[in-house]
Amino acid sequence: MNSEILQMIDEYEEDKDFFGKASEEAIKKAEKRLGVTFPPQYREYVKNYGAGGICGVRISGIEKEDYASVVEDTESYRDFGLPPKYIVIEDVDEFIYCLSTVEEYKVIRWDRTTKEEIKRYNTFDEYLQDMFQEAIDNW
């Protein structure tokens, strides 16, 4: 993660905003269940923070050794037709943000009704920094 993201977390993190570090074993278990390999930036986020976010932003991830919201959310949306190359990183009700686990690891917005994929960010860090900054600005 870039220094701006780390600074935002350091400045705005409150108690229980994050679930805490995820073990390599828990990460591999989630990847295996979804049949993907997490992109490096997302893997770093999950390894260091598990799941959660600041100022109301909630990123799906790994909460415990035996529970991962990224798995639950992704499997749920795959039932609606989400392509298997994506993992769900944030559910915003009317749409979801997904991270590609292949190609360039871009972040897309996906609508379960229309199945439309709209590229929103080039990287997970770009997405995270923008989401956190917007939340901070509105906090």
N, C-alpha and C. Protein backbone atom coordinates (compact mmCIF):
# COMPACT_ATOMS: atom_id res chain seq x y z
N MET A 1 0.85 -1.18 0.00
CA MET A 1 0.00 0.00 0.00
C MET A 1 0.88 1.23 0.00
N ASN A 2 0.38 2.26 -0.67
CA ASN A 2 1.18 3.47 -0.75
C ASN A 2 1.12 4.26 0.55
N SER A 3 2.02 5.21 0.68
CA SER A 3 2.15 5.97 1.93
C SER A 3 0.92 6.81 2.24
N GLU A 4 0.20 7.29 1.21
CA GLU A 4 -1.00 8.09 1.46
C GLU A 4 -2.09 7.25 2.14
N ILE A 5 -2.25 6.02 1.70
CA ILE A 5 -3.24 5.13 2.31
C ILE A 5 -2.85 4.84 3.77
N LEU A 6 -1.60 4.53 3.98
CA LEU A 6 -1.13 4.24 5.34
C LEU A 6 -1.32 5.45 6.26
N GLN A 7 -1.09 6.64 5.73
CA GLN A 7 -1.28 7.85 6.52
C GLN A 7 -2.75 8.06 6.87
N MET A 8 -3.65 7.81 5.91
CA MET A 8 -5.09 7.94 6.17
C MET A 8 -5.51 6.97 7.26
N ILE A 9 -5.05 5.73 7.16
CA ILE A 9 -5.40 4.73 8.16
C ILE A 9 -4.86 5.15 9.53
N ASP A 10 -3.61 5.57 9.56
CA ASP A 10 -2.99 5.98 10.81
C ASP A 10 -3.76 7.13 11.46
N GLU A 11 -4.21 8.07 10.65
CA GLU A 11 -4.88 9.25 11.18
C GLU A 11 -6.34 9.02 11.56
N TYR A 12 -7.06 8.16 10.79
CA TYR A 12 -8.50 8.04 10.98
C TYR A 12 -8.97 6.71 11.57
N GLU A 13 -8.08 5.77 11.75
CA GLU A 13 -8.50 4.47 12.29
C GLU A 13 -9.02 4.61 13.70
N GLU A 14 -10.16 3.97 13.94
CA GLU A 14 -10.75 3.90 15.27
C GLU A 14 -10.77 2.44 15.70
N ASP A 15 -11.01 2.23 16.97
CA ASP A 15 -11.06 0.88 17.52
C ASP A 15 -12.05 0.01 16.76
N LYS A 16 -11.62 -1.15 16.39
CA LYS A 16 -12.43 -2.17 15.70
C LYS A 16 -12.82 -1.80 14.27
N ASP A 17 -12.11 -0.85 13.64
CA ASP A 17 -12.34 -0.56 12.22
C ASP A 17 -11.86 -1.71 11.34
N PHE A 18 -10.83 -2.41 11.81
CA PHE A 18 -10.24 -3.52 11.06
C PHE A 18 -10.29 -4.77 11.93
N PHE A 19 -10.29 -5.93 11.27
CA PHE A 19 -10.33 -7.20 11.99
C PHE A 19 -8.95 -7.68 12.42
N GLY A 20 -7.91 -7.11 11.86
CA GLY A 20 -6.55 -7.52 12.20
C GLY A 20 -5.95 -8.43 11.16
N LYS A 21 -4.70 -8.69 11.31
CA LYS A 21 -3.93 -9.44 10.32
C LYS A 21 -4.55 -10.79 10.01
N ALA A 22 -4.46 -11.17 8.74
CA ALA A 22 -4.91 -12.49 8.30
C ALA A 22 -3.67 -13.35 8.06
N SER A 23 -3.74 -14.58 8.48
CA SER A 23 -2.60 -15.49 8.30
C SER A 23 -2.49 -15.92 6.84
N GLU A 24 -1.30 -16.34 6.48
CA GLU A 24 -1.07 -16.84 5.12
C GLU A 24 -1.96 -18.05 4.86
N GLU A 25 -2.16 -18.87 5.87
CA GLU A 25 -3.01 -20.06 5.74
C GLU A 25 -4.47 -19.66 5.44
N ALA A 26 -4.98 -18.65 6.15
CA ALA A 26 -6.35 -18.19 5.91
C ALA A 26 -6.49 -17.57 4.52
N ILE A 27 -5.47 -16.84 4.07
CA ILE A 27 -5.49 -16.24 2.74
C ILE A 27 -5.53 -17.33 1.68
N LYS A 28 -4.66 -18.32 1.82
CA LYS A 28 -4.62 -19.42 0.84
C LYS A 28 -5.92 -20.22 0.83
N LYS A 29 -6.52 -20.39 2.00
CA LYS A 29 -7.80 -21.10 2.09
C LYS A 29 -8.89 -20.34 1.32
N ALA A 30 -8.94 -19.02 1.49
CA ALA A 30 -9.93 -18.20 0.78
C ALA A 30 -9.67 -18.23 -0.74
N GLU A 31 -8.41 -18.12 -1.13
CA GLU A 31 -8.08 -18.18 -2.55
C GLU A 31 -8.49 -19.52 -3.16
N LYS A 32 -8.20 -20.59 -2.45
CA LYS A 32 -8.54 -21.93 -2.95
C LYS A 32 -10.05 -22.08 -3.11
N ARG A 33 -10.79 -21.63 -2.12
CA ARG A 33 -12.25 -21.76 -2.18
C ARG A 33 -12.83 -20.99 -3.37
N LEU A 34 -12.23 -19.83 -3.67
CA LEU A 34 -12.72 -19.02 -4.79
C LEU A 34 -12.07 -19.41 -6.13
N GLY A 35 -11.01 -20.20 -6.09
CA GLY A 35 -10.33 -20.60 -7.31
C GLY A 35 -9.56 -19.47 -7.96
N VAL A 36 -8.99 -18.58 -7.14
CA VAL A 36 -8.25 -17.42 -7.65
C VAL A 36 -6.98 -17.23 -6.82
N THR A 37 -6.13 -16.36 -7.31
CA THR A 37 -5.00 -15.86 -6.53
C THR A 37 -5.24 -14.37 -6.35
N PHE A 38 -5.20 -13.91 -5.11
CA PHE A 38 -5.44 -12.50 -4.84
C PHE A 38 -4.33 -11.65 -5.46
N PRO A 39 -4.70 -10.53 -6.07
CA PRO A 39 -3.69 -9.60 -6.59
C PRO A 39 -2.79 -9.12 -5.45
N PRO A 40 -1.52 -8.80 -5.75
CA PRO A 40 -0.56 -8.43 -4.70
C PRO A 40 -1.01 -7.30 -3.78
N GLN A 41 -1.59 -6.22 -4.28
CA GLN A 41 -1.99 -5.11 -3.43
C GLN A 41 -3.12 -5.51 -2.48
N TYR A 42 -4.08 -6.28 -2.98
CA TYR A 42 -5.18 -6.73 -2.13
C TYR A 42 -4.66 -7.72 -1.09
N ARG A 43 -3.78 -8.62 -1.51
CA ARG A 43 -3.19 -9.60 -0.59
C ARG A 43 -2.48 -8.88 0.56
N GLU A 44 -1.75 -7.81 0.25
CA GLU A 44 -1.05 -7.04 1.28
C GLU A 44 -2.05 -6.41 2.26
N TYR A 45 -3.15 -5.87 1.70
CA TYR A 45 -4.18 -5.26 2.55
C TYR A 45 -4.78 -6.28 3.51
N VAL A 46 -5.16 -7.43 2.97
CA VAL A 46 -5.77 -8.48 3.79
C VAL A 46 -4.78 -9.01 4.81
N LYS A 47 -3.55 -9.21 4.40
CA LYS A 47 -2.53 -9.72 5.31
C LYS A 47 -2.34 -8.78 6.50
N ASN A 48 -2.38 -7.47 6.26
CA ASN A 48 -2.13 -6.50 7.32
C ASN A 48 -3.36 -6.07 8.10
N TYR A 49 -4.54 -6.10 7.46
CA TYR A 49 -5.75 -5.57 8.10
C TYR A 49 -6.91 -6.56 8.17
N GLY A 50 -6.85 -7.64 7.43
CA GLY A 50 -7.92 -8.63 7.44
C GLY A 50 -9.11 -8.19 6.61
N ALA A 51 -9.89 -7.28 7.14
CA ALA A 51 -11.06 -6.72 6.47
C ALA A 51 -11.41 -5.44 7.22
N GLY A 52 -12.24 -4.61 6.61
CA GLY A 52 -12.67 -3.38 7.26
C GLY A 52 -12.16 -2.16 6.53
N GLY A 53 -12.22 -1.03 7.22
CA GLY A 53 -11.79 0.21 6.61
C GLY A 53 -11.99 1.36 7.58
N ILE A 54 -11.89 2.57 7.06
CA ILE A 54 -12.02 3.76 7.89
C ILE A 54 -13.20 4.61 7.45
N CYS A 55 -13.72 5.39 8.37
CA CYS A 55 -14.77 6.39 8.09
C CYS A 55 -15.98 5.79 7.37
N GLY A 56 -16.34 4.57 7.72
CA GLY A 56 -17.53 3.95 7.15
C GLY A 56 -17.29 3.09 5.92
N VAL A 57 -16.10 3.12 5.33
CA VAL A 57 -15.79 2.25 4.19
C VAL A 57 -15.49 0.87 4.74
N ARG A 58 -16.09 -0.16 4.16
CA ARG A 58 -15.89 -1.53 4.60
C ARG A 58 -15.46 -2.40 3.42
N ILE A 59 -14.20 -2.79 3.44
CA ILE A 59 -13.63 -3.63 2.39
C ILE A 59 -13.76 -5.09 2.82
N SER A 60 -14.30 -5.91 1.94
CA SER A 60 -14.40 -7.35 2.21
C SER A 60 -13.01 -7.95 2.31
N GLY A 61 -12.88 -8.93 3.18
CA GLY A 61 -11.58 -9.56 3.36
C GLY A 61 -11.69 -10.82 4.18
N ILE A 62 -10.76 -11.00 5.09
CA ILE A 62 -10.72 -12.18 5.94
C ILE A 62 -10.82 -11.73 7.39
N GLU A 63 -11.88 -12.16 8.04
CA GLU A 63 -12.13 -11.74 9.41
C GLU A 63 -11.56 -12.71 10.45
N LYS A 64 -11.59 -13.99 10.16
CA LYS A 64 -11.11 -15.03 11.08
C LYS A 64 -10.47 -16.13 10.25
N GLU A 65 -9.85 -17.05 10.94
CA GLU A 65 -9.23 -18.18 10.24
C GLU A 65 -10.28 -18.97 9.44
N ASP A 66 -11.51 -19.00 9.94
CA ASP A 66 -12.54 -19.81 9.29
C ASP A 66 -13.68 -18.99 8.70
N TYR A 67 -13.50 -17.68 8.57
CA TYR A 67 -14.54 -16.85 7.94
C TYR A 67 -13.90 -15.74 7.13
N ALA A 68 -14.37 -15.62 5.89
CA ALA A 68 -13.88 -14.57 5.00
C ALA A 68 -15.06 -13.94 4.26
N SER A 69 -15.29 -12.66 4.53
CA SER A 69 -16.38 -11.96 3.84
C SER A 69 -16.13 -11.90 2.34
N VAL A 70 -14.87 -11.85 1.92
CA VAL A 70 -14.59 -11.83 0.48
C VAL A 70 -15.09 -13.11 -0.18
N VAL A 71 -14.99 -14.21 0.52
CA VAL A 71 -15.49 -15.49 -0.02
C VAL A 71 -17.02 -15.47 -0.04
N GLU A 72 -17.62 -15.13 1.07
CA GLU A 72 -19.08 -15.11 1.16
C GLU A 72 -19.70 -14.16 0.13
N ASP A 73 -19.18 -12.94 0.06
CA ASP A 73 -19.71 -11.94 -0.88
C ASP A 73 -19.52 -12.37 -2.33
N THR A 74 -18.34 -12.87 -2.64
CA THR A 74 -18.05 -13.28 -4.02
C THR A 74 -18.91 -14.46 -4.43
N GLU A 75 -19.02 -15.47 -3.58
CA GLU A 75 -19.86 -16.63 -3.92
C GLU A 75 -21.31 -16.21 -4.10
N SER A 76 -21.78 -15.31 -3.29
CA SER A 76 -23.15 -14.83 -3.40
C SER A 76 -23.40 -14.17 -4.76
N TYR A 77 -22.50 -13.31 -5.17
CA TYR A 77 -22.68 -12.61 -6.45
C TYR A 77 -22.37 -13.50 -7.66
N ARG A 78 -21.59 -14.52 -7.48
CA ARG A 78 -21.39 -15.48 -8.57
C ARG A 78 -22.71 -16.17 -8.91
N ASP A 79 -23.57 -16.33 -7.90
CA ASP A 79 -24.90 -16.89 -8.15
C ASP A 79 -25.73 -15.99 -9.06
N PHE A 80 -25.41 -14.70 -9.09
CA PHE A 80 -26.10 -13.73 -9.96
C PHE A 80 -25.39 -13.56 -11.29
N GLY A 81 -24.28 -14.27 -11.50
CA GLY A 81 -23.58 -14.19 -12.78
C GLY A 81 -22.26 -13.46 -12.77
N LEU A 82 -21.74 -13.10 -11.61
CA LEU A 82 -20.44 -12.44 -11.55
C LEU A 82 -19.38 -13.38 -12.13
N PRO A 83 -18.62 -12.91 -13.12
CA PRO A 83 -17.58 -13.76 -13.71
C PRO A 83 -16.57 -14.23 -12.67
N PRO A 84 -16.07 -15.45 -12.80
CA PRO A 84 -15.19 -16.04 -11.79
C PRO A 84 -13.83 -15.35 -11.64
N LYS A 85 -13.46 -14.49 -12.55
CA LYS A 85 -12.17 -13.80 -12.42
C LYS A 85 -12.23 -12.64 -11.42
N TYR A 86 -13.42 -12.29 -10.95
CA TYR A 86 -13.59 -11.17 -10.02
C TYR A 86 -13.83 -11.64 -8.60
N ILE A 87 -13.34 -10.83 -7.65
CA ILE A 87 -13.71 -11.00 -6.25
C ILE A 87 -14.39 -9.72 -5.80
N VAL A 88 -15.36 -9.84 -4.92
CA VAL A 88 -16.10 -8.69 -4.42
C VAL A 88 -15.29 -8.03 -3.30
N ILE A 89 -15.01 -6.74 -3.47
CA ILE A 89 -14.27 -6.03 -2.42
C ILE A 89 -15.15 -5.04 -1.65
N GLU A 90 -16.28 -4.63 -2.25
CA GLU A 90 -17.20 -3.75 -1.53
C GLU A 90 -18.58 -3.84 -2.14
N ASP A 91 -19.57 -4.02 -1.27
CA ASP A 91 -20.97 -4.05 -1.68
C ASP A 91 -21.57 -2.69 -1.34
N VAL A 92 -22.03 -1.98 -2.38
CA VAL A 92 -22.58 -0.63 -2.21
C VAL A 92 -24.09 -0.65 -2.44
N ASP A 93 -24.72 -1.79 -2.24
CA ASP A 93 -26.16 -2.01 -2.41
C ASP A 93 -26.59 -2.04 -3.86
N GLU A 94 -26.61 -0.89 -4.54
CA GLU A 94 -27.09 -0.88 -5.92
C GLU A 94 -26.09 -1.47 -6.90
N PHE A 95 -24.84 -1.60 -6.49
CA PHE A 95 -23.81 -2.25 -7.31
C PHE A 95 -22.70 -2.72 -6.38
N ILE A 96 -21.72 -3.41 -6.94
CA ILE A 96 -20.58 -3.86 -6.16
C ILE A 96 -19.29 -3.44 -6.85
N TYR A 97 -18.26 -3.25 -6.05
CA TYR A 97 -16.91 -3.06 -6.59
C TYR A 97 -16.23 -4.41 -6.56
N CYS A 98 -15.61 -4.76 -7.67
CA CYS A 98 -14.93 -6.03 -7.80
C CYS A 98 -13.50 -5.81 -8.26
N LEU A 99 -12.63 -6.71 -7.86
CA LEU A 99 -11.23 -6.67 -8.23
C LEU A 99 -10.94 -7.86 -9.13
N SER A 100 -10.34 -7.58 -10.29
CA SER A 100 -9.96 -8.64 -11.20
C SER A 100 -8.76 -9.39 -10.63
N THR A 101 -8.79 -10.70 -10.71
CA THR A 101 -7.68 -11.51 -10.24
C THR A 101 -6.79 -11.96 -11.39
N VAL A 102 -7.06 -11.44 -12.58
CA VAL A 102 -6.24 -11.72 -13.76
C VAL A 102 -5.98 -10.40 -14.48
N GLU A 103 -5.22 -10.48 -15.52
CA GLU A 103 -4.92 -9.31 -16.33
C GLU A 103 -4.21 -8.24 -15.51
N GLU A 104 -4.75 -7.04 -15.48
CA GLU A 104 -4.08 -5.90 -14.85
C GLU A 104 -4.57 -5.63 -13.43
N TYR A 105 -5.39 -6.47 -12.86
CA TYR A 105 -5.91 -6.30 -11.51
C TYR A 105 -6.72 -5.02 -11.34
N LYS A 106 -7.49 -4.69 -12.36
CA LYS A 106 -8.32 -3.48 -12.31
C LYS A 106 -9.51 -3.68 -11.38
N VAL A 107 -10.09 -2.55 -10.96
CA VAL A 107 -11.31 -2.57 -10.15
C VAL A 107 -12.46 -2.13 -11.03
N ILE A 108 -13.52 -2.91 -11.01
CA ILE A 108 -14.70 -2.59 -11.81
C ILE A 108 -15.92 -2.41 -10.91
N ARG A 109 -16.89 -1.73 -11.46
CA ARG A 109 -18.20 -1.64 -10.83
C ARG A 109 -19.08 -2.62 -11.60
N TRP A 110 -19.80 -3.48 -10.88
CA TRP A 110 -20.62 -4.50 -11.53
C TRP A 110 -22.04 -4.41 -11.02
N ASP A 111 -22.98 -4.46 -11.94
CA ASP A 111 -24.40 -4.39 -11.62
C ASP A 111 -25.00 -5.78 -11.82
N ARG A 112 -25.62 -6.33 -10.79
CA ARG A 112 -26.14 -7.69 -10.90
C ARG A 112 -27.37 -7.80 -11.80
N THR A 113 -28.07 -6.69 -12.02
CA THR A 113 -29.24 -6.73 -12.89
C THR A 113 -28.83 -6.71 -14.37
N THR A 114 -27.99 -5.75 -14.72
CA THR A 114 -27.59 -5.60 -16.13
C THR A 114 -26.36 -6.41 -16.48
N LYS A 115 -25.61 -6.85 -15.46
CA LYS A 115 -24.34 -7.57 -15.63
C LYS A 115 -23.26 -6.68 -16.26
N GLU A 116 -23.50 -5.38 -16.24
CA GLU A 116 -22.57 -4.44 -16.85
C GLU A 116 -21.31 -4.30 -16.00
N GLU A 117 -20.16 -4.34 -16.66
CA GLU A 117 -18.86 -4.14 -16.02
C GLU A 117 -18.33 -2.79 -16.46
N ILE A 118 -18.07 -1.91 -15.50
CA ILE A 118 -17.52 -0.59 -15.80
C ILE A 118 -16.20 -0.46 -15.08
N LYS A 119 -15.12 -0.27 -15.83
CA LYS A 119 -13.81 -0.10 -15.22
C LYS A 119 -13.81 1.22 -14.45
N ARG A 120 -13.40 1.16 -13.18
CA ARG A 120 -13.39 2.35 -12.33
C ARG A 120 -11.98 2.76 -11.92
N TYR A 121 -11.12 1.79 -11.64
CA TYR A 121 -9.77 2.09 -11.16
C TYR A 121 -8.78 1.11 -11.78
N ASN A 122 -7.56 1.58 -11.94
CA ASN A 122 -6.52 0.73 -12.54
C ASN A 122 -5.91 -0.26 -11.56
N THR A 123 -5.95 0.09 -10.25
CA THR A 123 -5.35 -0.78 -9.25
C THR A 123 -6.19 -0.76 -7.97
N PHE A 124 -5.96 -1.74 -7.11
CA PHE A 124 -6.63 -1.77 -5.82
C PHE A 124 -6.22 -0.57 -4.98
N ASP A 125 -4.94 -0.23 -4.97
CA ASP A 125 -4.49 0.93 -4.19
C ASP A 125 -5.16 2.22 -4.65
N GLU A 126 -5.31 2.39 -5.95
CA GLU A 126 -5.97 3.59 -6.48
C GLU A 126 -7.42 3.65 -5.98
N TYR A 127 -8.10 2.53 -6.03
CA TYR A 127 -9.47 2.42 -5.53
C TYR A 127 -9.53 2.74 -4.03
N LEU A 128 -8.66 2.09 -3.26
CA LEU A 128 -8.67 2.25 -1.81
C LEU A 128 -8.39 3.69 -1.41
N GLN A 129 -7.42 4.30 -2.03
CA GLN A 129 -7.09 5.69 -1.71
C GLN A 129 -8.26 6.61 -2.02
N ASP A 130 -8.92 6.41 -3.15
CA ASP A 130 -10.06 7.24 -3.52
C ASP A 130 -11.24 7.03 -2.58
N MET A 131 -11.55 5.78 -2.25
CA MET A 131 -12.67 5.49 -1.35
C MET A 131 -12.41 6.07 0.04
N PHE A 132 -11.21 5.88 0.54
CA PHE A 132 -10.88 6.42 1.86
C PHE A 132 -10.92 7.94 1.85
N GLN A 133 -10.38 8.58 0.81
CA GLN A 133 -10.37 10.03 0.75
C GLN A 133 -11.79 10.60 0.69
N GLU A 134 -12.63 9.97 -0.12
CA GLU A 134 -14.02 10.41 -0.20
C GLU A 134 -14.73 10.27 1.15
N ALA A 135 -14.48 9.15 1.83
CA ALA A 135 -15.09 8.95 3.14
C ALA A 135 -14.59 9.97 4.16
N ILE A 136 -13.30 10.25 4.13
CA ILE A 136 -12.72 11.26 5.03
C ILE A 136 -13.35 12.62 4.75
N ASP A 137 -13.46 12.98 3.49
CA ASP A 137 -14.04 14.28 3.10
C ASP A 137 -15.49 14.42 3.57
N ASN A 138 -16.20 13.31 3.65
CA ASN A 138 -17.62 13.34 4.05
C ASN A 138 -17.82 13.03 5.52
N TRP A 139 -16.75 12.73 6.25
CA TRP A 139 -16.84 12.30 7.64
C TRP A 139 -17.24 13.40 8.55
